[in-house]
PDB file of N, CA and C in Angstrom:
ATOM      1  N   MET A   1       0.826  -1.188   0.000  1.00  0.00           N
ATOM      2  CA  MET A   1       0.000   0.000   0.000  1.00  0.00           C
ATOM      3  C   MET A   1       0.870   1.251   0.000  1.00  0.00           C
ATOM      4  N   LYS A   2       1.908   1.274   0.847  1.00  0.00           N
ATOM      5  CA  LYS A   2       2.794   2.427   0.930  1.00  0.00           C
ATOM      6  C   LYS A   2       3.475   2.665  -0.421  1.00  0.00           C
ATOM      7  N   THR A   3       3.886   1.584  -1.091  1.00  0.00           N
ATOM      8  CA  THR A   3       4.530   1.705  -2.385  1.00  0.00           C
ATOM      9  C   THR A   3       3.585   2.329  -3.408  1.00  0.00           C
ATOM     10  N   LYS A   4       2.310   1.960  -3.364  1.00  0.00           N
ATOM     11  CA  LYS A   4       1.338   2.533  -4.296  1.00  0.00           C
ATOM     12  C   LYS A   4       1.168   4.027  -4.053  1.00  0.00           C
ATOM     13  N   ILE A   5       1.149   4.439  -2.793  1.00  0.00           N
ATOM     14  CA  ILE A   5       1.009   5.857  -2.469  1.00  0.00           C
ATOM     15  C   ILE A   5       2.215   6.628  -2.993  1.00  0.00           C
ATOM     16  N   ILE A   6       3.411   6.099  -2.779  1.00  0.00           N
ATOM     17  CA  ILE A   6       4.631   6.755  -3.265  1.00  0.00           C
ATOM     18  C   ILE A   6       4.593   6.836  -4.788  1.00  0.00           C
ATOM     19  N   PHE A   7       4.187   5.764  -5.446  1.00  0.00           N
ATOM     20  CA  PHE A   7       4.119   5.764  -6.899  1.00  0.00           C
ATOM     21  C   PHE A   7       3.153   6.834  -7.395  1.00  0.00           C
ATOM     22  N   VAL A   8       1.984   6.942  -6.777  1.00  0.00           N
ATOM     23  CA  VAL A   8       1.007   7.955  -7.184  1.00  0.00           C
ATOM     24  C   VAL A   8       1.584   9.352  -6.983  1.00  0.00           C
ATOM     25  N   PHE A   9       2.265   9.582  -5.858  1.00  0.00           N
ATOM     26  CA  PHE A   9       2.866  10.888  -5.606  1.00  0.00           C
ATOM     27  C   PHE A   9       3.929  11.196  -6.655  1.00  0.00           C
ATOM     28  N   ALA A  10       4.777  10.221  -6.965  1.00  0.00           N
ATOM     29  CA  ALA A  10       5.815  10.419  -7.976  1.00  0.00           C
ATOM     30  C   ALA A  10       5.192  10.720  -9.331  1.00  0.00           C
ATOM     31  N   LEU A  11       4.122  10.030  -9.657  1.00  0.00           N
ATOM     32  CA  LEU A  11       3.425  10.283 -10.909  1.00  0.00           C
ATOM     33  C   LEU A  11       2.863  11.695 -10.943  1.00  0.00           C
ATOM     34  N   LEU A  12       2.292  12.144  -9.829  1.00  0.00           N
ATOM     35  CA  LEU A  12       1.750  13.507  -9.763  1.00  0.00           C
ATOM     36  C   LEU A  12       2.840  14.553  -9.945  1.00  0.00           C
ATOM     37  N   VAL A  13       4.011  14.302  -9.366  1.00  0.00           N
ATOM     38  CA  VAL A  13       5.126  15.234  -9.536  1.00  0.00           C
ATOM     39  C   VAL A  13       5.469  15.357 -11.013  1.00  0.00           C
ATOM     40  N   THR A  14       5.523  14.231 -11.708  1.00  0.00           N
ATOM     41  CA  THR A  14       5.832  14.239 -13.131  1.00  0.00           C
ATOM     42  C   THR A  14       4.748  14.949 -13.927  1.00  0.00           C
ATOM     43  N   VAL A  15       3.489  14.619 -13.640  1.00  0.00           N
ATOM     44  CA  VAL A  15       2.375  15.236 -14.363  1.00  0.00           C
ATOM     45  C   VAL A  15       2.326  16.727 -14.111  1.00  0.00           C
ATOM     46  N   MET A  16       2.604  17.140 -12.878  1.00  0.00           N
ATOM     47  CA  MET A  16       2.580  18.566 -12.545  1.00  0.00           C
ATOM     48  C   MET A  16       3.559  19.349 -13.402  1.00  0.00           C
ATOM     49  N   SER A  17       4.655  18.726 -13.797  1.00  0.00           N
ATOM     50  CA  SER A  17       5.639  19.438 -14.603  1.00  0.00           C
ATOM     51  C   SER A  17       5.061  19.842 -15.952  1.00  0.00           C
ATOM     52  N   PHE A  18       4.065  19.120 -16.417  1.00  0.00           N
ATOM     53  CA  PHE A  18       3.456  19.450 -17.698  1.00  0.00           C
ATOM     54  C   PHE A  18       2.245  20.356 -17.544  1.00  0.00           C
ATOM     55  N   ALA A  19       1.787  20.588 -16.313  1.00  0.00           N
ATOM     56  CA  ALA A  19       0.560  21.339 -16.086  1.00  0.00           C
ATOM     57  C   ALA A  19       0.808  22.805 -15.727  1.00  0.00           C
ATOM     58  N   GLN A  20       2.042  23.215 -15.687  1.00  0.00           N
ATOM     59  CA  GLN A  20       2.348  24.577 -15.309  1.00  0.00           C
ATOM     60  C   GLN A  20       2.088  25.536 -16.459  1.00  0.00           C
ATOM     61  N   ASP A  21       1.611  26.745 -16.129  1.00  0.00           N
ATOM     62  CA  ASP A  21       1.317  27.744 -17.139  1.00  0.00           C
ATOM     63  C   ASP A  21       2.566  28.454 -17.632  1.00  0.00           C
ATOM     64  N   LYS A  22       3.436  28.845 -16.723  1.00  0.00           N
ATOM     65  CA  LYS A  22       4.608  29.614 -17.095  1.00  0.00           C
ATOM     66  C   LYS A  22       5.854  28.768 -16.976  1.00  0.00           C
ATOM     67  N   ARG A  23       6.706  28.868 -17.987  1.00  0.00           N
ATOM     68  CA  ARG A  23       7.956  28.128 -17.947  1.00  0.00           C
ATOM     69  C   ARG A  23       9.012  28.858 -18.760  1.00  0.00           C
ATOM     70  N   GLU A  24      10.244  28.559 -18.463  1.00  0.00           N
ATOM     71  CA  GLU A  24      11.386  29.080 -19.210  1.00  0.00           C
ATOM     72  C   GLU A  24      12.171  27.888 -19.745  1.00  0.00           C
ATOM     73  N   LEU A  25      12.544  27.945 -21.005  1.00  0.00           N
ATOM     74  CA  LEU A  25      13.328  26.888 -21.629  1.00  0.00           C
ATOM     75  C   LEU A  25      14.615  27.493 -22.175  1.00  0.00           C
ATOM     76  N   LYS A  26      15.729  26.757 -22.045  1.00  0.00           N
ATOM     77  CA  LYS A  26      16.999  27.235 -22.567  1.00  0.00           C
ATOM     78  C   LYS A  26      17.863  26.040 -22.934  1.00  0.00           C
ATOM     79  N   LEU A  27      18.405  26.044 -24.138  1.00  0.00           N
ATOM     80  CA  LEU A  27      19.313  24.979 -24.553  1.00  0.00           C
ATOM     81  C   LEU A  27      20.666  25.200 -23.890  1.00  0.00           C
ATOM     82  N   ASN A  28      21.156  24.172 -23.202  1.00  0.00           N
ATOM     83  CA  ASN A  28      22.476  24.211 -22.588  1.00  0.00           C
ATOM     84  C   ASN A  28      23.462  23.687 -23.630  1.00  0.00           C
ATOM     85  N   ASN A  29      24.273  24.572 -24.186  1.00  0.00           N
ATOM     86  CA  ASN A  29      25.197  24.191 -25.252  1.00  0.00           C
ATOM     87  C   ASN A  29      26.251  23.194 -24.799  1.00  0.00           C
ATOM     88  N   ASP A  30      26.587  23.181 -23.492  1.00  0.00           N
ATOM     89  CA  ASP A  30      27.586  22.243 -22.985  1.00  0.00           C
ATOM     90  C   ASP A  30      27.045  20.819 -22.928  1.00  0.00           C
ATOM     91  N   THR A  31      25.803  20.655 -22.458  1.00  0.00           N
ATOM     92  CA  THR A  31      25.239  19.318 -22.281  1.00  0.00           C
ATOM     93  C   THR A  31      24.308  18.911 -23.420  1.00  0.00           C
ATOM     94  N   GLN A  32      23.910  19.875 -24.254  1.00  0.00           N
ATOM     95  CA  GLN A  32      22.928  19.654 -25.322  1.00  0.00           C
ATOM     96  C   GLN A  32      21.573  19.216 -24.775  1.00  0.00           C
ATOM     97  N   LEU A  33      21.304  19.598 -23.506  1.00  0.00           N
ATOM     98  CA  LEU A  33      20.011  19.342 -22.875  1.00  0.00           C
ATOM     99  C   LEU A  33      19.245  20.659 -22.782  1.00  0.00           C
ATOM    100  N   ILE A  34      17.941  20.561 -22.652  1.00  0.00           N
ATOM    101  CA  ILE A  34      17.093  21.734 -22.513  1.00  0.00           C
ATOM    102  C   ILE A  34      16.815  21.942 -21.039  1.00  0.00           C
ATOM    103  N   ASP A  35      17.326  23.039 -20.491  1.00  0.00           N
ATOM    104  CA  ASP A  35      17.070  23.403 -19.094  1.00  0.00           C
ATOM    105  C   ASP A  35      15.688  24.044 -19.031  1.00  0.00           C
ATOM    106  N   VAL A  36      14.882  23.613 -18.069  1.00  0.00           N
ATOM    107  CA  VAL A  36      13.522  24.156 -17.951  1.00  0.00           C
ATOM    108  C   VAL A  36      13.240  24.528 -16.507  1.00  0.00           C
ATOM    109  N   THR A  37      12.513  25.621 -16.348  1.00  0.00           N
ATOM    110  CA  THR A  37      12.040  26.058 -15.040  1.00  0.00           C
ATOM    111  C   THR A  37      10.555  26.347 -15.168  1.00  0.00           C
ATOM    112  N   TYR A  38       9.754  25.720 -14.308  1.00  0.00           N
ATOM    113  CA  TYR A  38       8.310  25.968 -14.255  1.00  0.00           C
ATOM    114  C   TYR A  38       8.021  26.824 -13.032  1.00  0.00           C
ATOM    115  N   TYR A  39       6.968  27.644 -13.124  1.00  0.00           N
ATOM    116  CA  TYR A  39       6.620  28.558 -12.043  1.00  0.00           C
ATOM    117  C   TYR A  39       5.194  28.343 -11.551  1.00  0.00           C
ATOM    118  N   HIS A  40       5.003  28.529 -10.247  1.00  0.00           N
ATOM    119  CA  HIS A  40       3.663  28.576  -9.675  1.00  0.00           C
ATOM    120  C   HIS A  40       3.006  29.887 -10.099  1.00  0.00           C
ATOM    121  N   ALA A  41       1.702  29.989  -9.931  1.00  0.00           N
ATOM    122  CA  ALA A  41       0.971  31.213 -10.274  1.00  0.00           C
ATOM    123  C   ALA A  41       1.466  32.416  -9.484  1.00  0.00           C
ATOM    124  N   ASN A  42       2.024  32.197  -8.271  1.00  0.00           N
ATOM    125  CA  ASN A  42       2.515  33.308  -7.453  1.00  0.00           C
ATOM    126  C   ASN A  42       3.929  33.754  -7.843  1.00  0.00           C
ATOM    127  N   GLY A  43       4.500  33.134  -8.880  1.00  0.00           N
ATOM    128  CA  GLY A  43       5.828  33.514  -9.352  1.00  0.00           C
ATOM    129  C   GLY A  43       6.966  32.702  -8.773  1.00  0.00           C
ATOM    130  N   GLU A  44       6.708  31.918  -7.731  1.00  0.00           N
ATOM    131  CA  GLU A  44       7.743  31.052  -7.149  1.00  0.00           C
ATOM    132  C   GLU A  44       8.047  29.894  -8.105  1.00  0.00           C
ATOM    133  N   VAL A  45       9.283  29.434  -8.079  1.00  0.00           N
ATOM    134  CA  VAL A  45       9.667  28.289  -8.904  1.00  0.00           C
ATOM    135  C   VAL A  45       8.907  27.060  -8.439  1.00  0.00           C
ATOM    136  N   SER A  46       8.335  26.330  -9.387  1.00  0.00           N
ATOM    137  CA  SER A  46       7.606  25.099  -9.105  1.00  0.00           C
ATOM    138  C   SER A  46       8.496  23.882  -9.326  1.00  0.00           C
ATOM    139  N   GLN A  47       9.198  23.846 -10.471  1.00  0.00           N
ATOM    140  CA  GLN A  47      10.080  22.728 -10.788  1.00  0.00           C
ATOM    141  C   GLN A  47      11.242  23.205 -11.630  1.00  0.00           C
ATOM    142  N   THR A  48      12.369  22.488 -11.499  1.00  0.00           N
ATOM    143  CA  THR A  48      13.517  22.709 -12.366  1.00  0.00           C
ATOM    144  C   THR A  48      14.014  21.355 -12.833  1.00  0.00           C
ATOM    145  N   GLY A  49      14.530  21.316 -14.032  1.00  0.00           N
ATOM    146  CA  GLY A  49      15.064  20.071 -14.554  1.00  0.00           C
ATOM    147  C   GLY A  49      15.516  20.224 -15.985  1.00  0.00           C
ATOM    148  N   THR A  50      15.780  19.095 -16.622  1.00  0.00           N
ATOM    149  CA  THR A  50      16.237  19.109 -18.009  1.00  0.00           C
ATOM    150  C   THR A  50      15.529  18.035 -18.820  1.00  0.00           C
ATOM    151  N   TYR A  51      15.433  18.316 -20.115  1.00  0.00           N
ATOM    152  CA  TYR A  51      14.901  17.383 -21.101  1.00  0.00           C
ATOM    153  C   TYR A  51      15.988  17.113 -22.133  1.00  0.00           C
ATOM    154  N   THR A  52      15.898  15.947 -22.754  1.00  0.00           N
ATOM    155  CA  THR A  52      16.724  15.712 -23.929  1.00  0.00           C
ATOM    156  C   THR A  52      16.083  16.472 -25.084  1.00  0.00           C
ATOM    157  N   GLN A  53      16.786  16.610 -26.169  1.00  0.00           N
ATOM    158  CA  GLN A  53      16.212  17.294 -27.331  1.00  0.00           C
ATOM    159  C   GLN A  53      15.077  16.481 -27.953  1.00  0.00           C
ATOM    160  N   GLU A  54      14.973  15.208 -27.580  1.00  0.00           N
ATOM    161  CA  GLU A  54      13.856  14.365 -28.031  1.00  0.00           C
ATOM    162  C   GLU A  54      12.648  14.485 -27.099  1.00  0.00           C
ATOM    163  N   GLY A  55      12.766  15.304 -26.061  1.00  0.00           N
ATOM    164  CA  GLY A  55      11.655  15.543 -25.149  1.00  0.00           C
ATOM    165  C   GLY A  55      11.564  14.594 -23.970  1.00  0.00           C
ATOM    166  N   LYS A  56      12.621  13.823 -23.698  1.00  0.00           N
ATOM    167  CA  LYS A  56      12.610  12.902 -22.565  1.00  0.00           C
ATOM    168  C   LYS A  56      13.206  13.581 -21.335  1.00  0.00           C
ATOM    169  N   LEU A  57      12.608  13.309 -20.158  1.00  0.00           N
ATOM    170  CA  LEU A  57      13.155  13.831 -18.913  1.00  0.00           C
ATOM    171  C   LEU A  57      14.550  13.260 -18.714  1.00  0.00           C
ATOM    172  N   GLN A  58      15.478  14.120 -18.208  1.00  0.00           N
ATOM    173  CA  GLN A  58      16.862  13.693 -18.058  1.00  0.00           C
ATOM    174  C   GLN A  58      17.477  14.365 -16.839  1.00  0.00           C
ATOM    175  N   GLY A  59      18.233  13.595 -16.055  1.00  0.00           N
ATOM    176  CA  GLY A  59      18.966  14.160 -14.936  1.00  0.00           C
ATOM    177  C   GLY A  59      18.094  14.463 -13.734  1.00  0.00           C
ATOM    178  N   GLU A  60      18.577  15.393 -12.915  1.00  0.00           N
ATOM    179  CA  GLU A  60      17.897  15.720 -11.663  1.00  0.00           C
ATOM    180  C   GLU A  60      16.771  16.723 -11.892  1.00  0.00           C
ATOM    181  N   TRP A  61      15.635  16.440 -11.265  1.00  0.00           N
ATOM    182  CA  TRP A  61      14.483  17.347 -11.255  1.00  0.00           C
ATOM    183  C   TRP A  61      14.182  17.681  -9.809  1.00  0.00           C
ATOM    184  N   ASN A  62      13.847  18.935  -9.556  1.00  0.00           N
ATOM    185  CA  ASN A  62      13.495  19.380  -8.209  1.00  0.00           C
ATOM    186  C   ASN A  62      12.126  20.035  -8.249  1.00  0.00           C
ATOM    187  N   SER A  63      11.301  19.739  -7.243  1.00  0.00           N
ATOM    188  CA  SER A  63       9.980  20.348  -7.097  1.00  0.00           C
ATOM    189  C   SER A  63       9.966  21.196  -5.846  1.00  0.00           C
ATOM    190  N   PHE A  64       9.223  22.314  -5.895  1.00  0.00           N
ATOM    191  CA  PHE A  64       9.168  23.263  -4.795  1.00  0.00           C
ATOM    192  C   PHE A  64       7.725  23.622  -4.487  1.00  0.00           C
ATOM    193  N   ASP A  65       7.457  23.948  -3.221  1.00  0.00           N
ATOM    194  CA  ASP A  65       6.107  24.363  -2.849  1.00  0.00           C
ATOM    195  C   ASP A  65       5.918  25.855  -3.151  1.00  0.00           C
ATOM    196  N   LEU A  66       4.765  26.370  -2.803  1.00  0.00           N
ATOM    197  CA  LEU A  66       4.429  27.775  -3.091  1.00  0.00           C
ATOM    198  C   LEU A  66       5.323  28.770  -2.359  1.00  0.00           C
ATOM    199  N   LYS A  67       6.008  28.301  -1.299  1.00  0.00           N
ATOM    200  CA  LYS A  67       6.901  29.179  -0.538  1.00  0.00           C
ATOM    201  C   LYS A  67       8.359  29.035  -0.970  1.00  0.00           C
ATOM    202  N   GLY A  68       8.616  28.187  -1.943  1.00  0.00           N
ATOM    203  CA  GLY A  68       9.975  28.008  -2.440  1.00  0.00           C
ATOM    204  C   GLY A  68      10.772  26.924  -1.750  1.00  0.00           C
ATOM    205  N   GLN A  69      10.147  26.157  -0.846  1.00  0.00           N
ATOM    206  CA  GLN A  69      10.839  25.059  -0.170  1.00  0.00           C
ATOM    207  C   GLN A  69      10.812  23.814  -1.054  1.00  0.00           C
ATOM    208  N   ARG A  70      11.945  23.138  -1.142  1.00  0.00           N
ATOM    209  CA  ARG A  70      12.004  21.925  -1.957  1.00  0.00           C
ATOM    210  C   ARG A  70      11.131  20.846  -1.342  1.00  0.00           C
ATOM    211  N   THR A  71      10.319  20.189  -2.166  1.00  0.00           N
ATOM    212  CA  THR A  71       9.447  19.116  -1.712  1.00  0.00           C
ATOM    213  C   THR A  71       9.852  17.761  -2.279  1.00  0.00           C
ATOM    214  N   ALA A  72      10.597  17.763  -3.387  1.00  0.00           N
ATOM    215  CA  ALA A  72      10.990  16.493  -3.992  1.00  0.00           C
ATOM    216  C   ALA A  72      12.215  16.683  -4.878  1.00  0.00           C
ATOM    217  N   THR A  73      13.025  15.638  -4.939  1.00  0.00           N
ATOM    218  CA  THR A  73      14.145  15.554  -5.872  1.00  0.00           C
ATOM    219  C   THR A  73      14.034  14.208  -6.564  1.00  0.00           C
ATOM    220  N   ALA A  74      14.085  14.238  -7.891  1.00  0.00           N
ATOM    221  CA  ALA A  74      13.926  13.020  -8.684  1.00  0.00           C
ATOM    222  C   ALA A  74      15.051  12.926  -9.705  1.00  0.00           C
ATOM    223  N   ASN A  75      15.292  11.718 -10.212  1.00  0.00           N
ATOM    224  CA  ASN A  75      16.320  11.501 -11.224  1.00  0.00           C
ATOM    225  C   ASN A  75      15.766  10.676 -12.378  1.00  0.00           C
ATOM    226  N   TYR A  76      16.135  11.101 -13.585  1.00  0.00           N
ATOM    227  CA  TYR A  76      15.696  10.425 -14.801  1.00  0.00           C
ATOM    228  C   TYR A  76      16.886  10.160 -15.712  1.00  0.00           C
ATOM    229  N   LYS A  77      16.776   9.115 -16.495  1.00  0.00           N
ATOM    230  CA  LYS A  77      17.745   8.843 -17.551  1.00  0.00           C
ATOM    231  C   LYS A  77      16.947   8.404 -18.778  1.00  0.00           C
ATOM    232  N   ASP A  78      17.033   9.183 -19.830  1.00  0.00           N
ATOM    233  CA  ASP A  78      16.284   8.923 -21.065  1.00  0.00           C
ATOM    234  C   ASP A  78      14.798   8.722 -20.800  1.00  0.00           C
ATOM    235  N   GLY A  79      14.234   9.553 -19.911  1.00  0.00           N
ATOM    236  CA  GLY A  79      12.806   9.508 -19.616  1.00  0.00           C
ATOM    237  C   GLY A  79      12.382   8.456 -18.617  1.00  0.00           C
ATOM    238  N   LYS A  80      13.319   7.675 -18.112  1.00  0.00           N
ATOM    239  CA  LYS A  80      12.995   6.622 -17.151  1.00  0.00           C
ATOM    240  C   LYS A  80      13.459   7.011 -15.754  1.00  0.00           C
ATOM    241  N   LYS A  81      12.687   6.599 -14.751  1.00  0.00           N
ATOM    242  CA  LYS A  81      13.009   6.882 -13.352  1.00  0.00           C
ATOM    243  C   LYS A  81      14.190   6.022 -12.921  1.00  0.00           C
ATOM    244  N   VAL A  82      15.193   6.678 -12.322  1.00  0.00           N
ATOM    245  CA  VAL A  82      16.386   5.959 -11.874  1.00  0.00           C
ATOM    246  C   VAL A  82      16.849   6.506 -10.530  1.00  0.00           C
ATOM    247  N   GLY A  83      17.604   5.690  -9.823  1.00  0.00           N
ATOM    248  CA  GLY A  83      18.283   6.137  -8.617  1.00  0.00           C
ATOM    249  C   GLY A  83      17.384   6.524  -7.466  1.00  0.00           C
ATOM    250  N   LYS A  84      17.921   7.381  -6.634  1.00  0.00           N
ATOM    251  CA  LYS A  84      17.221   7.796  -5.414  1.00  0.00           C
ATOM    252  C   LYS A  84      16.364   9.031  -5.671  1.00  0.00           C
ATOM    253  N   TRP A  85      15.139   8.957  -5.191  1.00  0.00           N
ATOM    254  CA  TRP A  85      14.224  10.099  -5.194  1.00  0.00           C
ATOM    255  C   TRP A  85      13.946  10.424  -3.741  1.00  0.00           C
ATOM    256  N   PHE A  86      13.812  11.704  -3.428  1.00  0.00           N
ATOM    257  CA  PHE A  86      13.534  12.135  -2.064  1.00  0.00           C
ATOM    258  C   PHE A  86      12.283  12.999  -2.042  1.00  0.00           C
ATOM    259  N   PHE A  87      11.430  12.769  -1.027  1.00  0.00           N
ATOM    260  CA  PHE A  87      10.192  13.534  -0.846  1.00  0.00           C
ATOM    261  C   PHE A  87      10.180  14.058   0.585  1.00  0.00           C
ATOM    262  N   TRP A  88      10.192  15.385   0.733  1.00  0.00           N
ATOM    263  CA  TRP A  88      10.183  16.012   2.044  1.00  0.00           C
ATOM    264  C   TRP A  88       8.755  16.332   2.448  1.00  0.00           C
ATOM    265  N   GLY A  89       8.379  15.907   3.657  1.00  0.00           N
ATOM    266  CA  GLY A  89       7.109  16.271   4.253  1.00  0.00           C
ATOM    267  C   GLY A  89       7.388  17.201   5.415  1.00  0.00           C
ATOM    268  N   GLU A  90       6.352  17.616   6.093  1.00  0.00           N
ATOM    269  CA  GLU A  90       6.543  18.540   7.216  1.00  0.00           C
ATOM    270  C   GLU A  90       7.443  17.942   8.286  1.00  0.00           C
ATOM    271  N   ASN A  91       7.240  16.658   8.596  1.00  0.00           N
ATOM    272  CA  ASN A  91       8.037  15.996   9.629  1.00  0.00           C
ATOM    273  C   ASN A  91       8.577  14.652   9.167  1.00  0.00           C
ATOM    274  N   SER A  92       8.757  14.497   7.876  1.00  0.00           N
ATOM    275  CA  SER A  92       9.254  13.212   7.397  1.00  0.00           C
ATOM    276  C   SER A  92      10.056  13.391   6.110  1.00  0.00           C
ATOM    277  N   LEU A  93      10.850  12.402   5.829  1.00  0.00           N
ATOM    278  CA  LEU A  93      11.614  12.327   4.588  1.00  0.00           C
ATOM    279  C   LEU A  93      11.445  10.918   4.048  1.00  0.00           C
ATOM    280  N   ARG A  94      11.056  10.817   2.790  1.00  0.00           N
ATOM    281  CA  ARG A  94      10.922   9.508   2.144  1.00  0.00           C
ATOM    282  C   ARG A  94      11.983   9.393   1.057  1.00  0.00           C
ATOM    283  N   GLU A  95      12.627   8.251   1.023  1.00  0.00           N
ATOM    284  CA  GLU A  95      13.598   7.936  -0.016  1.00  0.00           C
ATOM    285  C   GLU A  95      13.032   6.764  -0.821  1.00  0.00           C
ATOM    286  N   VAL A  96      12.889   6.975  -2.110  1.00  0.00           N
ATOM    287  CA  VAL A  96      12.391   5.925  -2.994  1.00  0.00           C
ATOM    288  C   VAL A  96      13.512   5.599  -3.969  1.00  0.00           C
ATOM    289  N   ASN A  97      13.904   4.329  -4.017  1.00  0.00           N
ATOM    290  CA  ASN A  97      14.948   3.892  -4.936  1.00  0.00           C
ATOM    291  C   ASN A  97      14.311   3.231  -6.144  1.00  0.00           C
ATOM    292  N   TYR A  98      14.728   3.678  -7.325  1.00  0.00           N
ATOM    293  CA  TYR A  98      14.213   3.130  -8.576  1.00  0.00           C
ATOM    294  C   TYR A  98      15.275   2.292  -9.260  1.00  0.00           C
ATOM    295  N   SER A  99      14.845   1.185  -9.838  1.00  0.00           N
ATOM    296  CA  SER A  99      15.686   0.326 -10.648  1.00  0.00           C
ATOM    297  C   SER A  99      14.848  -0.158 -11.821  1.00  0.00           C
ATOM    298  N   ASN A 100      15.359  -0.033 -13.011  1.00  0.00           N
ATOM    299  CA  ASN A 100      14.626  -0.426 -14.221  1.00  0.00           C
ATOM    300  C   ASN A 100      13.255   0.254 -14.298  1.00  0.00           C
ATOM    301  N   ASN A 101      13.212   1.535 -13.924  1.00  0.00           N
ATOM    302  CA  ASN A 101      11.989   2.348 -14.017  1.00  0.00           C
ATOM    303  C   ASN A 101      10.878   1.860 -13.089  1.00  0.00           C
ATOM    304  N   ALA A 102      11.248   1.109 -12.043  1.00  0.00           N
ATOM    305  CA  ALA A 102      10.267   0.597 -11.081  1.00  0.00           C
ATOM    306  C   ALA A 102      10.805   0.806  -9.662  1.00  0.00           C
ATOM    307  N   ILE A 103       9.892   0.928  -8.702  1.00  0.00           N
ATOM    308  CA  ILE A 103      10.298   1.111  -7.314  1.00  0.00           C
ATOM    309  C   ILE A 103      10.985  -0.161  -6.805  1.00  0.00           C
ATOM    310  N   ALA A 104      12.212   0.012  -6.311  1.00  0.00           N
ATOM    311  CA  ALA A 104      12.967  -1.107  -5.763  1.00  0.00           C
ATOM    312  C   ALA A 104      12.847  -1.145  -4.242  1.00  0.00           C
ATOM    313  N   SER A 105      12.805   0.042  -3.608  1.00  0.00           N
ATOM    314  CA  SER A 105      12.668   0.098  -2.155  1.00  0.00           C
ATOM    315  C   SER A 105      12.188   1.483  -1.735  1.00  0.00           C
ATOM    316  N   VAL A 106      11.603   1.532  -0.528  1.00  0.00           N
ATOM    317  CA  VAL A 106      11.131   2.786   0.047  1.00  0.00           C
ATOM    318  C   VAL A 106      11.580   2.834   1.501  1.00  0.00           C
ATOM    319  N   SER A 107      12.164   3.966   1.896  1.00  0.00           N
ATOM    320  CA  SER A 107      12.546   4.188   3.289  1.00  0.00           C
ATOM    321  C   SER A 107      11.907   5.490   3.742  1.00  0.00           C
ATOM    322  N   GLU A 108      11.553   5.556   5.018  1.00  0.00           N
ATOM    323  CA  GLU A 108      10.940   6.772   5.544  1.00  0.00           C
ATOM    324  C   GLU A 108      11.528   7.069   6.912  1.00  0.00           C
ATOM    325  N   TRP A 109      11.818   8.364   7.132  1.00  0.00           N
ATOM    326  CA  TRP A 109      12.315   8.821   8.402  1.00  0.00           C
ATOM    327  C   TRP A 109      11.380   9.899   8.919  1.00  0.00           C
ATOM    328  N   SER A 110      11.109   9.856  10.214  1.00  0.00           N
ATOM    329  CA  SER A 110      10.269  10.870  10.846  1.00  0.00           C
ATOM    330  C   SER A 110      11.045  11.480  12.001  1.00  0.00           C
ATOM    331  N   SER A 111      10.776  12.748  12.255  1.00  0.00           N
ATOM    332  CA  SER A 111      11.466  13.437  13.332  1.00  0.00           C
ATOM    333  C   SER A 111      10.672  14.665  13.736  1.00  0.00           C
ATOM    334  N   LYS A 112      10.767  15.003  15.008  1.00  0.00           N
ATOM    335  CA  LYS A 112      10.138  16.235  15.471  1.00  0.00           C
ATOM    336  C   LYS A 112      11.024  17.428  15.167  1.00  0.00           C
ATOM    337  N   SER A 113      12.306  17.187  14.943  1.00  0.00           N
ATOM    338  CA  SER A 113      13.200  18.277  14.560  1.00  0.00           C
ATOM    339  C   SER A 113      13.273  18.317  13.033  1.00  0.00           C
ATOM    340  N   GLN A 114      13.835  19.392  12.506  1.00  0.00           N
ATOM    341  CA  GLN A 114      13.911  19.553  11.061  1.00  0.00           C
ATOM    342  C   GLN A 114      14.795  18.471  10.449  1.00  0.00           C
ATOM    343  N   LEU A 115      14.327  17.896   9.348  1.00  0.00           N
ATOM    344  CA  LEU A 115      15.061  16.848   8.667  1.00  0.00           C
ATOM    345  C   LEU A 115      16.008  17.455   7.652  1.00  0.00           C
ATOM    346  N   ALA A 116      16.630  16.608   6.864  1.00  0.00           N
ATOM    347  CA  ALA A 116      17.586  17.031   5.845  1.00  0.00           C
ATOM    348  C   ALA A 116      17.109  18.305   5.159  1.00  0.00           C
ATOM    349  N   SER A 117      18.039  19.165   4.917  1.00  0.00           N
ATOM    350  CA  SER A 117      17.731  20.493   4.382  1.00  0.00           C
ATOM    351  C   SER A 117      16.935  20.429   3.098  1.00  0.00           C
ATOM    352  N   HIS A 118      15.919  21.295   3.043  1.00  0.00           N
ATOM    353  CA  HIS A 118      15.138  21.440   1.826  1.00  0.00           C
ATOM    354  C   HIS A 118      16.004  22.120   0.806  1.00  0.00           C
TER     355      HIS A 118
END
């Protein structure tokens, strides 16, 4: 059940990247990737990441809340989910490990004090 919830959240993060109204795109001549920044309606950054020129998600993507605090970090390779993803909650941190574009493991830490820096 927990894995399904994490999967749905990860899917929403990905879908949200396509639902933003305002965005900035720039070709990075060094990497030949397209750097993109999406914005919330209030002007705060919503997501940052890169696409391949074929339109596939690539590298590290970061999601932010309306106040600019990081809520998630994800990794892609040729449009597929890879490596460690992190999801920050008010009092928790979830680490989701992906292998072959599927969830391999999920870890969660809770604390009354502030967790790993947003």
